[in-house]
Amino acid sequence: MGADSICIKDMAGLLKPYDAFELVKTLKETISIPVQLHTHYTSGLASMTVLKAIEAGVDIVDTAISPFAMGTSQPPTEPLVATLSGTPYDTGLHVSKLDEVCKYFSPLRDQYIESGLLDTKVLKVDVNALMYQVP
């Protein structure tokens, strides 16, 4: 193929969990390079989509630390790490360490919201994206 990896880019956050499972499974059966999933939380599907992609064998997923997660961002890191802990997909990350990162960024998020640099509407789930297929 001439590629080092493939990234499934779901910019609208519309990739459904079971569709992600089938897509990743098929790719992993067909190619030998790493497969990455980059999705957005816009429609609220992202955490479930990431989990099914992991179960299908995806090599890399993108997440965001919780103060900057969800909405038009990526799914939050901490719940995914906790979900995968003690499973064959364990990340080796520790929620307690991630909490330190979260505590660092939470006041910054609040500062950005108060100053108007971060619009809170981008942090919300928009289920209309599921109906109209656009964020």
N, C-alpha and C. Protein backbone atom coordinates (compact mmCIF):
# COMPACT_ATOMS: atom_id res chain seq x y z
N MET A 1 0.82 -1.20 0.00
CA MET A 1 0.00 0.00 0.00
C MET A 1 0.85 1.26 0.00
N GLY A 2 2.06 1.19 0.52
CA GLY A 2 2.88 2.38 0.60
C GLY A 2 2.53 3.27 1.77
N ALA A 3 1.79 2.76 2.72
CA ALA A 3 1.41 3.54 3.89
C ALA A 3 2.02 2.91 5.14
N ASP A 4 2.29 3.75 6.13
CA ASP A 4 2.82 3.26 7.40
C ASP A 4 1.71 2.92 8.39
N SER A 5 0.55 3.55 8.20
CA SER A 5 -0.60 3.30 9.06
C SER A 5 -1.84 3.84 8.36
N ILE A 6 -2.99 3.44 8.88
CA ILE A 6 -4.27 3.96 8.38
C ILE A 6 -5.02 4.54 9.56
N CYS A 7 -5.56 5.74 9.36
CA CYS A 7 -6.37 6.38 10.40
C CYS A 7 -7.80 6.49 9.91
N ILE A 8 -8.71 5.91 10.64
CA ILE A 8 -10.14 6.08 10.38
C ILE A 8 -10.51 7.41 11.02
N LYS A 9 -10.88 8.37 10.21
CA LYS A 9 -11.15 9.72 10.69
C LYS A 9 -12.65 9.97 10.65
N ASP A 10 -13.26 10.03 11.81
CA ASP A 10 -14.70 10.25 11.94
C ASP A 10 -14.92 11.66 12.47
N MET A 11 -14.75 12.65 11.60
CA MET A 11 -14.79 14.04 12.05
C MET A 11 -16.17 14.47 12.53
N ALA A 12 -17.22 13.81 12.10
CA ALA A 12 -18.56 14.20 12.50
C ALA A 12 -19.06 13.43 13.72
N GLY A 13 -18.31 12.42 14.15
CA GLY A 13 -18.73 11.62 15.29
C GLY A 13 -19.94 10.77 15.00
N LEU A 14 -20.06 10.31 13.76
CA LEU A 14 -21.23 9.54 13.34
C LEU A 14 -20.97 8.04 13.18
N LEU A 15 -19.73 7.61 13.35
CA LEU A 15 -19.41 6.20 13.22
C LEU A 15 -20.03 5.44 14.40
N LYS A 16 -20.89 4.49 14.07
CA LYS A 16 -21.58 3.73 15.12
C LYS A 16 -20.69 2.60 15.62
N PRO A 17 -20.89 2.20 16.87
CA PRO A 17 -20.01 1.20 17.48
C PRO A 17 -19.87 -0.11 16.70
N TYR A 18 -20.96 -0.69 16.27
CA TYR A 18 -20.86 -1.98 15.57
C TYR A 18 -20.33 -1.82 14.15
N ASP A 19 -20.56 -0.67 13.55
CA ASP A 19 -19.94 -0.39 12.24
C ASP A 19 -18.43 -0.25 12.40
N ALA A 20 -18.00 0.39 13.48
CA ALA A 20 -16.56 0.52 13.75
C ALA A 20 -15.94 -0.85 13.96
N PHE A 21 -16.64 -1.71 14.68
CA PHE A 21 -16.13 -3.06 14.92
C PHE A 21 -15.90 -3.78 13.60
N GLU A 22 -16.88 -3.76 12.72
CA GLU A 22 -16.76 -4.46 11.43
C GLU A 22 -15.68 -3.85 10.56
N LEU A 23 -15.60 -2.53 10.54
CA LEU A 23 -14.59 -1.84 9.73
C LEU A 23 -13.18 -2.18 10.21
N VAL A 24 -12.95 -2.07 11.50
CA VAL A 24 -11.63 -2.36 12.05
C VAL A 24 -11.28 -3.83 11.87
N LYS A 25 -12.23 -4.70 12.14
CA LYS A 25 -11.99 -6.15 11.99
C LYS A 25 -11.58 -6.48 10.56
N THR A 26 -12.30 -5.93 9.59
CA THR A 26 -12.00 -6.18 8.18
C THR A 26 -10.63 -5.62 7.81
N LEU A 27 -10.34 -4.41 8.25
CA LEU A 27 -9.02 -3.83 7.97
C LEU A 27 -7.91 -4.68 8.56
N LYS A 28 -8.06 -5.10 9.81
CA LYS A 28 -7.02 -5.88 10.48
C LYS A 28 -6.82 -7.25 9.82
N GLU A 29 -7.88 -7.80 9.23
CA GLU A 29 -7.78 -9.08 8.52
C GLU A 29 -7.12 -8.91 7.15
N THR A 30 -7.12 -7.68 6.65
CA THR A 30 -6.67 -7.41 5.28
C THR A 30 -5.28 -6.81 5.20
N ILE A 31 -4.93 -5.99 6.16
CA ILE A 31 -3.65 -5.27 6.11
C ILE A 31 -2.81 -5.59 7.35
N SER A 32 -1.53 -5.27 7.27
CA SER A 32 -0.65 -5.57 8.41
C SER A 32 -0.06 -4.32 9.05
N ILE A 33 -0.54 -3.15 8.66
CA ILE A 33 -0.05 -1.91 9.26
C ILE A 33 -1.01 -1.46 10.37
N PRO A 34 -0.55 -0.62 11.29
CA PRO A 34 -1.41 -0.17 12.38
C PRO A 34 -2.64 0.59 11.88
N VAL A 35 -3.73 0.39 12.60
CA VAL A 35 -5.00 1.08 12.32
C VAL A 35 -5.32 1.96 13.53
N GLN A 36 -5.62 3.21 13.25
CA GLN A 36 -5.93 4.20 14.28
C GLN A 36 -7.36 4.67 14.10
N LEU A 37 -8.03 4.98 15.20
CA LEU A 37 -9.37 5.56 15.15
C LEU A 37 -9.36 6.93 15.80
N HIS A 38 -9.81 7.91 15.04
CA HIS A 38 -9.95 9.28 15.54
C HIS A 38 -11.41 9.67 15.33
N THR A 39 -12.15 9.77 16.42
CA THR A 39 -13.56 10.13 16.33
C THR A 39 -13.84 11.30 17.26
N HIS A 40 -15.00 11.88 17.10
CA HIS A 40 -15.42 13.02 17.92
C HIS A 40 -16.70 12.66 18.66
N TYR A 41 -16.91 13.30 19.81
CA TYR A 41 -18.03 12.99 20.69
C TYR A 41 -19.31 13.73 20.31
N THR A 42 -19.30 14.41 19.21
CA THR A 42 -20.39 15.30 18.81
C THR A 42 -21.77 14.68 19.02
N SER A 43 -21.97 13.45 18.55
CA SER A 43 -23.28 12.79 18.62
C SER A 43 -23.46 11.96 19.88
N GLY A 44 -22.41 11.81 20.68
CA GLY A 44 -22.47 11.00 21.90
C GLY A 44 -22.07 9.55 21.71
N LEU A 45 -21.68 9.15 20.51
CA LEU A 45 -21.34 7.76 20.22
C LEU A 45 -19.89 7.39 20.49
N ALA A 46 -19.02 8.34 20.64
CA ALA A 46 -17.58 8.11 20.57
C ALA A 46 -17.03 7.09 21.56
N SER A 47 -17.42 7.14 22.82
CA SER A 47 -16.87 6.18 23.79
C SER A 47 -17.24 4.75 23.43
N MET A 48 -18.48 4.55 23.02
CA MET A 48 -18.92 3.20 22.63
C MET A 48 -18.23 2.76 21.35
N THR A 49 -18.06 3.68 20.42
CA THR A 49 -17.39 3.38 19.16
C THR A 49 -15.94 2.99 19.40
N VAL A 50 -15.26 3.73 20.25
CA VAL A 50 -13.87 3.43 20.58
C VAL A 50 -13.76 2.05 21.23
N LEU A 51 -14.66 1.74 22.16
CA LEU A 51 -14.61 0.45 22.84
C LEU A 51 -14.79 -0.71 21.86
N LYS A 52 -15.74 -0.60 20.95
CA LYS A 52 -15.95 -1.67 19.96
C LYS A 52 -14.76 -1.76 19.01
N ALA A 53 -14.16 -0.64 18.65
CA ALA A 53 -12.98 -0.67 17.79
C ALA A 53 -11.82 -1.37 18.50
N ILE A 54 -11.68 -1.12 19.79
CA ILE A 54 -10.64 -1.79 20.57
C ILE A 54 -10.88 -3.29 20.58
N GLU A 55 -12.12 -3.69 20.80
CA GLU A 55 -12.45 -5.12 20.79
C GLU A 55 -12.17 -5.76 19.44
N ALA A 56 -12.24 -4.97 18.37
CA ALA A 56 -11.98 -5.48 17.02
C ALA A 56 -10.50 -5.49 16.67
N GLY A 57 -9.66 -4.89 17.52
CA GLY A 57 -8.22 -4.93 17.29
C GLY A 57 -7.57 -3.65 16.84
N VAL A 58 -8.26 -2.52 16.93
CA VAL A 58 -7.63 -1.25 16.54
C VAL A 58 -6.35 -1.06 17.36
N ASP A 59 -5.36 -0.46 16.75
CA ASP A 59 -4.06 -0.30 17.40
C ASP A 59 -3.94 0.99 18.20
N ILE A 60 -4.61 2.04 17.75
CA ILE A 60 -4.47 3.36 18.36
C ILE A 60 -5.84 4.02 18.40
N VAL A 61 -6.17 4.64 19.53
CA VAL A 61 -7.38 5.46 19.61
C VAL A 61 -6.98 6.82 20.19
N ASP A 62 -7.68 7.83 19.77
CA ASP A 62 -7.43 9.18 20.27
C ASP A 62 -8.48 9.52 21.33
N THR A 63 -8.02 10.07 22.44
CA THR A 63 -8.91 10.51 23.51
C THR A 63 -8.42 11.88 23.98
N ALA A 64 -9.20 12.49 24.86
CA ALA A 64 -8.82 13.78 25.44
C ALA A 64 -9.00 13.70 26.95
N ILE A 65 -8.17 14.43 27.67
CA ILE A 65 -8.33 14.47 29.12
C ILE A 65 -9.70 15.12 29.40
N SER A 66 -10.40 14.65 30.40
CA SER A 66 -11.82 14.98 30.57
C SER A 66 -12.19 16.47 30.57
N PRO A 67 -11.39 17.39 31.10
CA PRO A 67 -11.82 18.78 31.02
C PRO A 67 -12.01 19.30 29.59
N PHE A 68 -11.33 18.67 28.64
CA PHE A 68 -11.44 19.11 27.25
C PHE A 68 -12.06 18.04 26.36
N ALA A 69 -12.72 17.07 26.94
CA ALA A 69 -13.30 15.97 26.18
C ALA A 69 -14.78 16.21 25.89
N MET A 70 -15.33 15.34 25.09
CA MET A 70 -16.75 15.28 24.71
C MET A 70 -17.11 16.45 23.79
N GLY A 71 -18.38 16.56 23.48
CA GLY A 71 -18.79 17.57 22.51
C GLY A 71 -18.05 17.37 21.20
N THR A 72 -17.47 18.42 20.67
CA THR A 72 -16.76 18.30 19.40
C THR A 72 -15.34 17.77 19.58
N SER A 73 -14.96 17.46 20.80
CA SER A 73 -13.64 16.89 21.08
C SER A 73 -13.72 15.36 21.03
N GLN A 74 -12.74 14.71 21.62
CA GLN A 74 -12.68 13.26 21.63
C GLN A 74 -13.30 12.72 22.92
N PRO A 75 -13.49 11.39 22.99
CA PRO A 75 -14.00 10.81 24.23
C PRO A 75 -12.99 10.99 25.36
N PRO A 76 -13.47 11.04 26.61
CA PRO A 76 -12.56 11.25 27.72
C PRO A 76 -11.65 10.05 27.98
N THR A 77 -10.42 10.33 28.31
CA THR A 77 -9.41 9.29 28.54
C THR A 77 -9.71 8.47 29.79
N GLU A 78 -10.02 9.13 30.88
CA GLU A 78 -10.10 8.47 32.18
C GLU A 78 -11.12 7.33 32.24
N PRO A 79 -12.37 7.51 31.78
CA PRO A 79 -13.32 6.39 31.83
C PRO A 79 -12.89 5.21 30.95
N LEU A 80 -12.24 5.51 29.82
CA LEU A 80 -11.78 4.43 28.95
C LEU A 80 -10.67 3.63 29.64
N VAL A 81 -9.74 4.32 30.27
CA VAL A 81 -8.67 3.64 31.00
C VAL A 81 -9.26 2.77 32.11
N ALA A 82 -10.23 3.30 32.85
CA ALA A 82 -10.86 2.53 33.93
C ALA A 82 -11.61 1.32 33.37
N THR A 83 -12.29 1.50 32.25
CA THR A 83 -13.03 0.40 31.62
C THR A 83 -12.10 -0.72 31.19
N LEU A 84 -10.95 -0.37 30.65
CA LEU A 84 -10.02 -1.37 30.11
C LEU A 84 -9.09 -1.97 31.17
N SER A 85 -9.05 -1.39 32.34
CA SER A 85 -8.17 -1.87 33.41
C SER A 85 -8.50 -3.32 33.77
N GLY A 86 -7.47 -4.15 33.82
CA GLY A 86 -7.65 -5.56 34.18
C GLY A 86 -8.18 -6.44 33.07
N THR A 87 -8.27 -5.88 31.87
CA THR A 87 -8.72 -6.66 30.70
C THR A 87 -7.52 -6.89 29.79
N PRO A 88 -7.69 -7.68 28.74
CA PRO A 88 -6.58 -7.84 27.79
C PRO A 88 -6.19 -6.53 27.09
N TYR A 89 -7.03 -5.52 27.21
CA TYR A 89 -6.78 -4.23 26.55
C TYR A 89 -6.24 -3.18 27.53
N ASP A 90 -5.86 -3.60 28.72
CA ASP A 90 -5.38 -2.68 29.75
C ASP A 90 -4.30 -1.75 29.17
N THR A 91 -4.46 -0.46 29.38
CA THR A 91 -3.53 0.53 28.81
C THR A 91 -2.25 0.68 29.62
N GLY A 92 -2.28 0.25 30.86
CA GLY A 92 -1.13 0.47 31.73
C GLY A 92 -1.12 1.85 32.36
N LEU A 93 -2.09 2.67 31.98
CA LEU A 93 -2.21 4.00 32.59
C LEU A 93 -2.96 3.89 33.91
N HIS A 94 -2.75 4.85 34.78
CA HIS A 94 -3.40 4.83 36.09
C HIS A 94 -4.33 6.03 36.21
N VAL A 95 -5.58 5.76 36.58
CA VAL A 95 -6.58 6.82 36.69
C VAL A 95 -6.11 7.88 37.70
N SER A 96 -5.43 7.46 38.75
CA SER A 96 -4.95 8.44 39.75
C SER A 96 -3.97 9.43 39.13
N LYS A 97 -3.12 8.97 38.24
CA LYS A 97 -2.18 9.88 37.56
C LYS A 97 -2.93 10.77 36.56
N LEU A 98 -3.90 10.18 35.88
CA LEU A 98 -4.70 10.98 34.95
C LEU A 98 -5.50 12.04 35.70
N ASP A 99 -5.91 11.72 36.92
CA ASP A 99 -6.63 12.70 37.73
C ASP A 99 -5.76 13.92 38.03
N GLU A 100 -4.46 13.70 38.20
CA GLU A 100 -3.54 14.83 38.41
C GLU A 100 -3.53 15.73 37.17
N VAL A 101 -3.53 15.12 36.00
CA VAL A 101 -3.56 15.88 34.75
C VAL A 101 -4.89 16.63 34.65
N CYS A 102 -5.96 15.94 34.99
CA CYS A 102 -7.30 16.55 34.97
C CYS A 102 -7.36 17.76 35.90
N LYS A 103 -6.82 17.62 37.09
CA LYS A 103 -6.84 18.73 38.05
C LYS A 103 -6.02 19.92 37.56
N TYR A 104 -4.99 19.66 36.79
CA TYR A 104 -4.20 20.75 36.21
C TYR A 104 -5.00 21.50 35.15
N PHE A 105 -5.69 20.74 34.28
CA PHE A 105 -6.38 21.37 33.16
C PHE A 105 -7.77 21.91 33.49
N SER A 106 -8.41 21.42 34.53
CA SER A 106 -9.77 21.90 34.86
C SER A 106 -9.84 23.41 35.09
N PRO A 107 -8.94 23.99 35.89
CA PRO A 107 -9.00 25.44 36.06
C PRO A 107 -8.70 26.20 34.77
N LEU A 108 -7.84 25.63 33.93
CA LEU A 108 -7.56 26.28 32.65
C LEU A 108 -8.81 26.29 31.77
N ARG A 109 -9.53 25.16 31.75
CA ARG A 109 -10.77 25.11 31.00
C ARG A 109 -11.73 26.17 31.51
N ASP A 110 -11.89 26.25 32.82
CA ASP A 110 -12.79 27.25 33.40
C ASP A 110 -12.37 28.66 33.03
N GLN A 111 -11.07 28.90 33.04
CA GLN A 111 -10.54 30.22 32.66
C GLN A 111 -10.86 30.51 31.20
N TYR A 112 -10.70 29.52 30.33
CA TYR A 112 -10.99 29.71 28.90
C TYR A 112 -12.48 29.95 28.66
N ILE A 113 -13.32 29.29 29.44
CA ILE A 113 -14.76 29.50 29.31
C ILE A 113 -15.11 30.92 29.76
N GLU A 114 -14.61 31.32 30.92
CA GLU A 114 -14.90 32.65 31.46
C GLU A 114 -14.41 33.77 30.55
N SER A 115 -13.28 33.56 29.88
CA SER A 115 -12.73 34.59 29.00
C SER A 115 -13.38 34.59 27.62
N GLY A 116 -14.17 33.57 27.33
CA GLY A 116 -14.81 33.48 26.02
C GLY A 116 -13.98 32.76 24.97
N LEU A 117 -12.79 32.30 25.34
CA LEU A 117 -11.95 31.57 24.38
C LEU A 117 -12.51 30.18 24.07
N LEU A 118 -13.28 29.63 25.01
CA LEU A 118 -13.89 28.32 24.82
C LEU A 118 -15.39 28.46 24.97
N ASP A 119 -16.10 28.19 23.90
CA ASP A 119 -17.56 28.26 23.90
C ASP A 119 -18.11 26.95 24.45
N THR A 120 -18.92 27.02 25.48
CA THR A 120 -19.42 25.81 26.13
C THR A 120 -20.28 24.95 25.21
N LYS A 121 -20.83 25.52 24.15
CA LYS A 121 -21.67 24.70 23.27
C LYS A 121 -20.85 23.63 22.55
N VAL A 122 -19.53 23.82 22.42
CA VAL A 122 -18.71 22.79 21.77
C VAL A 122 -18.42 21.63 22.72
N LEU A 123 -18.77 21.77 23.99
CA LEU A 123 -18.54 20.70 24.96
C LEU A 123 -19.77 19.82 25.16
N LYS A 124 -20.84 20.13 24.46
CA LYS A 124 -22.10 19.41 24.63
C LYS A 124 -22.30 18.38 23.52
N VAL A 125 -23.10 17.37 23.82
CA VAL A 125 -23.49 16.37 22.83
C VAL A 125 -24.66 16.94 22.03
N ASP A 126 -24.61 16.76 20.71
CA ASP A 126 -25.68 17.22 19.83
C ASP A 126 -26.31 16.00 19.15
N VAL A 127 -27.40 15.50 19.73
CA VAL A 127 -28.04 14.31 19.15
C VAL A 127 -28.67 14.58 17.80
N ASN A 128 -28.84 15.85 17.44
CA ASN A 128 -29.35 16.17 16.11
C ASN A 128 -28.41 15.66 15.02
N ALA A 129 -27.13 15.53 15.36
CA ALA A 129 -26.17 15.00 14.39
C ALA A 129 -26.54 13.58 13.98
N LEU A 130 -27.16 12.82 14.87
CA LEU A 130 -27.60 11.47 14.53
C LEU A 130 -28.74 11.48 13.53
N MET A 131 -29.59 12.48 13.63
CA MET A 131 -30.74 12.56 12.72
C MET A 131 -30.37 13.15 11.37
N TYR A 132 -29.57 14.21 11.39
CA TYR A 132 -29.28 14.95 10.16
C TYR A 132 -27.95 14.59 9.52
N GLN A 133 -27.16 13.76 10.21
CA GLN A 133 -25.87 13.28 9.71
C GLN A 133 -24.85 14.39 9.48
N VAL A 134 -25.03 15.50 10.15
CA VAL A 134 -24.04 16.58 10.13
C VAL A 134 -23.93 17.15 11.54
N PRO A 135 -22.73 17.54 11.93
CA PRO A 135 -22.58 18.12 13.27
C PRO A 135 -23.06 19.56 13.31
